[in-house]
C-alpha atoms as a PDB file:
ATOM      1  CA  UNK A   1      58.249  31.876 -10.134  1.00  0.00           C
ATOM      2  CA  UNK A   2      57.165  30.025  -7.017  1.00  0.00           C
ATOM      3  CA  UNK A   3      53.953  28.015  -7.259  1.00  0.00           C
ATOM      4  CA  UNK A   4      51.528  27.278  -4.431  1.00  0.00           C
ATOM      5  CA  UNK A   5      50.499  23.639  -4.241  1.00  0.00           C
ATOM      6  CA  UNK A   6      46.867  22.848  -3.499  1.00  0.00           C
ATOM      7  CA  UNK A   7      45.920  19.955  -1.257  1.00  0.00           C
ATOM      8  CA  UNK A   8      44.342  18.006  -4.116  1.00  0.00           C
ATOM      9  CA  UNK A   9      47.685  17.754  -5.955  1.00  0.00           C
ATOM     10  CA  UNK A  10      49.356  16.251  -2.886  1.00  0.00           C
ATOM     11  CA  UNK A  11      46.408  13.947  -2.181  1.00  0.00           C
ATOM     12  CA  UNK A  12      46.257  12.661  -5.788  1.00  0.00           C
ATOM     13  CA  UNK A  13      50.029  12.051  -5.644  1.00  0.00           C
ATOM     14  CA  UNK A  14      49.769  10.068  -2.412  1.00  0.00           C
ATOM     15  CA  UNK A  15      46.537   8.194  -3.117  1.00  0.00           C
ATOM     16  CA  UNK A  16      46.824   7.649  -6.861  1.00  0.00           C
ATOM     17  CA  UNK A  17      43.093   7.091  -7.309  1.00  0.00           C
ATOM     18  CA  UNK A  18      42.844   9.168 -10.495  1.00  0.00           C
ATOM     19  CA  UNK A  19      45.228   8.044 -13.250  1.00  0.00           C
ATOM     20  CA  UNK A  20      45.325  11.388 -15.074  1.00  0.00           C
ATOM     21  CA  UNK A  21      45.873  13.398 -11.891  1.00  0.00           C
ATOM     22  CA  UNK A  22      48.455  10.894 -10.645  1.00  0.00           C
ATOM     23  CA  UNK A  23      50.511  11.284 -13.824  1.00  0.00           C
ATOM     24  CA  UNK A  24      50.399  15.082 -13.581  1.00  0.00           C
ATOM     25  CA  UNK A  25      51.150  15.154  -9.848  1.00  0.00           C
ATOM     26  CA  UNK A  26      54.066  12.710 -10.286  1.00  0.00           C
ATOM     27  CA  UNK A  27      55.531  15.010 -12.912  1.00  0.00           C
ATOM     28  CA  UNK A  28      55.089  18.018 -10.622  1.00  0.00           C
ATOM     29  CA  UNK A  29      56.793  16.333  -7.684  1.00  0.00           C
ATOM     30  CA  UNK A  30      59.621  14.959  -9.857  1.00  0.00           C
ATOM     31  CA  UNK A  31      60.344  18.504 -11.031  1.00  0.00           C
ATOM     32  CA  UNK A  32      60.156  19.794  -7.455  1.00  0.00           C
ATOM     33  CA  UNK A  33      62.443  17.054  -6.182  1.00  0.00           C
ATOM     34  CA  UNK A  34      65.010  17.837  -8.886  1.00  0.00           C
ATOM     35  CA  UNK A  35      64.805  21.553  -8.077  1.00  0.00           C
ATOM     36  CA  UNK A  36      63.475  22.488 -11.516  1.00  0.00           C
ATOM     37  CA  UNK A  37      60.216  23.745 -10.050  1.00  0.00           C
ATOM     38  CA  UNK A  38      59.868  25.880  -6.927  1.00  0.00           C
ATOM     39  CA  UNK A  39      56.723  25.435  -4.885  1.00  0.00           C
ATOM     40  CA  UNK A  40      55.402  26.293  -1.448  1.00  0.00           C
ATOM     41  CA  UNK A  41      53.063  24.259   0.711  1.00  0.00           C
ATOM     42  CA  UNK A  42      51.076  26.510   3.012  1.00  0.00           C
ATOM     43  CA  UNK A  43      50.422  25.261   6.528  1.00  0.00           C
ATOM     44  CA  UNK A  44      46.662  25.317   5.901  1.00  0.00           C
ATOM     45  CA  UNK A  45      47.137  23.161   2.799  1.00  0.00           C
ATOM     46  CA  UNK A  46      49.199  20.693   4.811  1.00  0.00           C
ATOM     47  CA  UNK A  47      46.437  20.673   7.413  1.00  0.00           C
ATOM     48  CA  UNK A  48      43.827  19.878   4.765  1.00  0.00           C
ATOM     49  CA  UNK A  49      45.961  17.042   3.376  1.00  0.00           C
ATOM     50  CA  UNK A  50      46.486  15.637   6.867  1.00  0.00           C
ATOM     51  CA  UNK A  51      42.766  15.792   7.667  1.00  0.00           C
ATOM     52  CA  UNK A  52      41.549  14.300   4.379  1.00  0.00           C
ATOM     53  CA  UNK A  53      44.135  11.537   4.371  1.00  0.00           C
ATOM     54  CA  UNK A  54      43.594  10.452   7.984  1.00  0.00           C
ATOM     55  CA  UNK A  55      39.821  10.923   8.199  1.00  0.00           C
ATOM     56  CA  UNK A  56      38.534  10.196   4.694  1.00  0.00           C
ATOM     57  CA  UNK A  57      41.147   7.826   3.282  1.00  0.00           C
ATOM     58  CA  UNK A  58      41.998   6.311   6.695  1.00  0.00           C
ATOM     59  CA  UNK A  59      45.730   6.368   5.936  1.00  0.00           C
ATOM     60  CA  UNK A  60      47.711   5.435   9.069  1.00  0.00           C
ATOM     61  CA  UNK A  61      49.130   8.551  10.700  1.00  0.00           C
ATOM     62  CA  UNK A  62      52.729   7.283  10.837  1.00  0.00           C
ATOM     63  CA  UNK A  63      52.719   6.346   7.158  1.00  0.00           C
ATOM     64  CA  UNK A  64      51.232   9.694   6.149  1.00  0.00           C
ATOM     65  CA  UNK A  65      53.655  11.725   8.277  1.00  0.00           C
ATOM     66  CA  UNK A  66      56.605   9.906   6.708  1.00  0.00           C
ATOM     67  CA  UNK A  67      55.313  10.681   3.203  1.00  0.00           C
ATOM     68  CA  UNK A  68      54.608  14.316   4.042  1.00  0.00           C
ATOM     69  CA  UNK A  69      58.074  14.811   5.535  1.00  0.00           C
ATOM     70  CA  UNK A  70      59.609  13.479   2.310  1.00  0.00           C
ATOM     71  CA  UNK A  71      57.539  15.907   0.257  1.00  0.00           C
ATOM     72  CA  UNK A  72      58.362  18.915   2.455  1.00  0.00           C
ATOM     73  CA  UNK A  73      62.068  17.999   2.346  1.00  0.00           C
ATOM     74  CA  UNK A  74      62.207  18.084  -1.473  1.00  0.00           C
ATOM     75  CA  UNK A  75      64.759  20.583  -2.763  1.00  0.00           C
ATOM     76  CA  UNK A  76      62.225  22.630  -4.722  1.00  0.00           C
ATOM     77  CA  UNK A  77      59.919  23.170  -1.764  1.00  0.00           C
ATOM     78  CA  UNK A  78      60.395  26.695  -0.443  1.00  0.00           C
ATOM     79  CA  UNK A  79      58.883  28.693   2.379  1.00  0.00           C
ATOM     80  CA  UNK A  80      58.965  27.855   6.058  1.00  0.00           C
ATOM     81  CA  UNK A  81      60.018  24.218   5.723  1.00  0.00           C
ATOM     82  CA  UNK A  82      61.307  24.182   9.301  1.00  0.00           C
ATOM     83  CA  UNK A  83      57.836  25.049  10.580  1.00  0.00           C
ATOM     84  CA  UNK A  84      56.136  22.348   8.500  1.00  0.00           C
ATOM     85  CA  UNK A  85      58.648  19.692   9.565  1.00  0.00           C
ATOM     86  CA  UNK A  86      58.266  20.721  13.217  1.00  0.00           C
ATOM     87  CA  UNK A  87      54.464  20.433  12.936  1.00  0.00           C
ATOM     88  CA  UNK A  88      54.817  16.949  11.434  1.00  0.00           C
ATOM     89  CA  UNK A  89      57.283  15.947  14.167  1.00  0.00           C
ATOM     90  CA  UNK A  90      54.905  17.151  16.887  1.00  0.00           C
ATOM     91  CA  UNK A  91      52.031  15.236  15.296  1.00  0.00           C
ATOM     92  CA  UNK A  92      54.231  12.148  15.254  1.00  0.00           C
ATOM     93  CA  UNK A  93      55.116  12.327  18.942  1.00  0.00           C
ATOM     94  CA  UNK A  94      52.058  13.858  20.585  1.00  0.00           C
ATOM     95  CA  UNK A  95      48.390  12.981  20.408  1.00  0.00           C
ATOM     96  CA  UNK A  96      47.125  16.431  19.420  1.00  0.00           C
ATOM     97  CA  UNK A  97      45.357  17.858  16.385  1.00  0.00           C
ATOM     98  CA  UNK A  98      47.026  19.735  13.545  1.00  0.00           C
ATOM     99  CA  UNK A  99      46.165  23.250  14.685  1.00  0.00           C
ATOM    100  CA  UNK A 100      47.480  22.575  18.185  1.00  0.00           C
ATOM    101  CA  UNK A 101      50.666  21.152  16.648  1.00  0.00           C
ATOM    102  CA  UNK A 102      50.998  24.309  14.547  1.00  0.00           C
ATOM    103  CA  UNK A 103      50.634  26.490  17.641  1.00  0.00           C
ATOM    104  CA  UNK A 104      53.225  24.389  19.467  1.00  0.00           C
ATOM    105  CA  UNK A 105      55.619  24.578  16.513  1.00  0.00           C
ATOM    106  CA  UNK A 106      55.351  28.377  16.370  1.00  0.00           C
ATOM    107  CA  UNK A 107      55.984  28.492  20.110  1.00  0.00           C
ATOM    108  CA  UNK A 108      59.030  26.236  19.864  1.00  0.00           C
ATOM    109  CA  UNK A 109      60.596  27.757  16.750  1.00  0.00           C
ATOM    110  CA  UNK A 110      59.808  31.443  17.234  1.00  0.00           C
ATOM    111  CA  UNK A 111      59.314  31.803  20.981  1.00  0.00           C
ATOM    112  CA  UNK A 112      55.656  32.767  20.713  1.00  0.00           C
ATOM    113  CA  UNK A 113      53.360  32.576  23.702  1.00  0.00           C
ATOM    114  CA  UNK A 114      50.043  30.782  23.364  1.00  0.00           C
ATOM    115  CA  UNK A 115      46.700  31.957  24.703  1.00  0.00           C
ATOM    116  CA  UNK A 116      44.380  28.976  24.917  1.00  0.00           C
ATOM    117  CA  UNK A 117      41.993  27.064  27.129  1.00  0.00           C
ATOM    118  CA  UNK A 118      42.862  23.834  25.272  1.00  0.00           C
ATOM    119  CA  UNK A 119      44.613  21.235  27.421  1.00  0.00           C
ATOM    120  CA  UNK A 120      46.236  19.723  24.325  1.00  0.00           C
ATOM    121  CA  UNK A 121      48.159  22.942  23.754  1.00  0.00           C
ATOM    122  CA  UNK A 122      49.674  22.494  27.206  1.00  0.00           C
ATOM    123  CA  UNK A 123      51.301  19.313  25.851  1.00  0.00           C
ATOM    124  CA  UNK A 124      53.790  21.543  24.019  1.00  0.00           C
END
């Protein structure tokens, strides 16, 4: 079975501000890293984590992106890992928001066109 990870599990793992949730999330990610548990991180969940961590917790973007890349790269993470990594790479190198980075990643990886009035999307 593949499990879907909610944003709060990732946030508790990264922030560690709830001892009980930190212990559980550490166990989850250890099992994922070892390949004993298969899980998928949806792009919208990654977006929520990115938003909460940068806006609410004020975690520096570079630090957060490094942590998120490590999580996505874990052996037990399944799904479109290439898309998630590309989104994180775009966020690292361009000053655009998550949704625009997702659009750019889809364009780059899958050859999609983009219909938008947003100048940030033109940064793709």
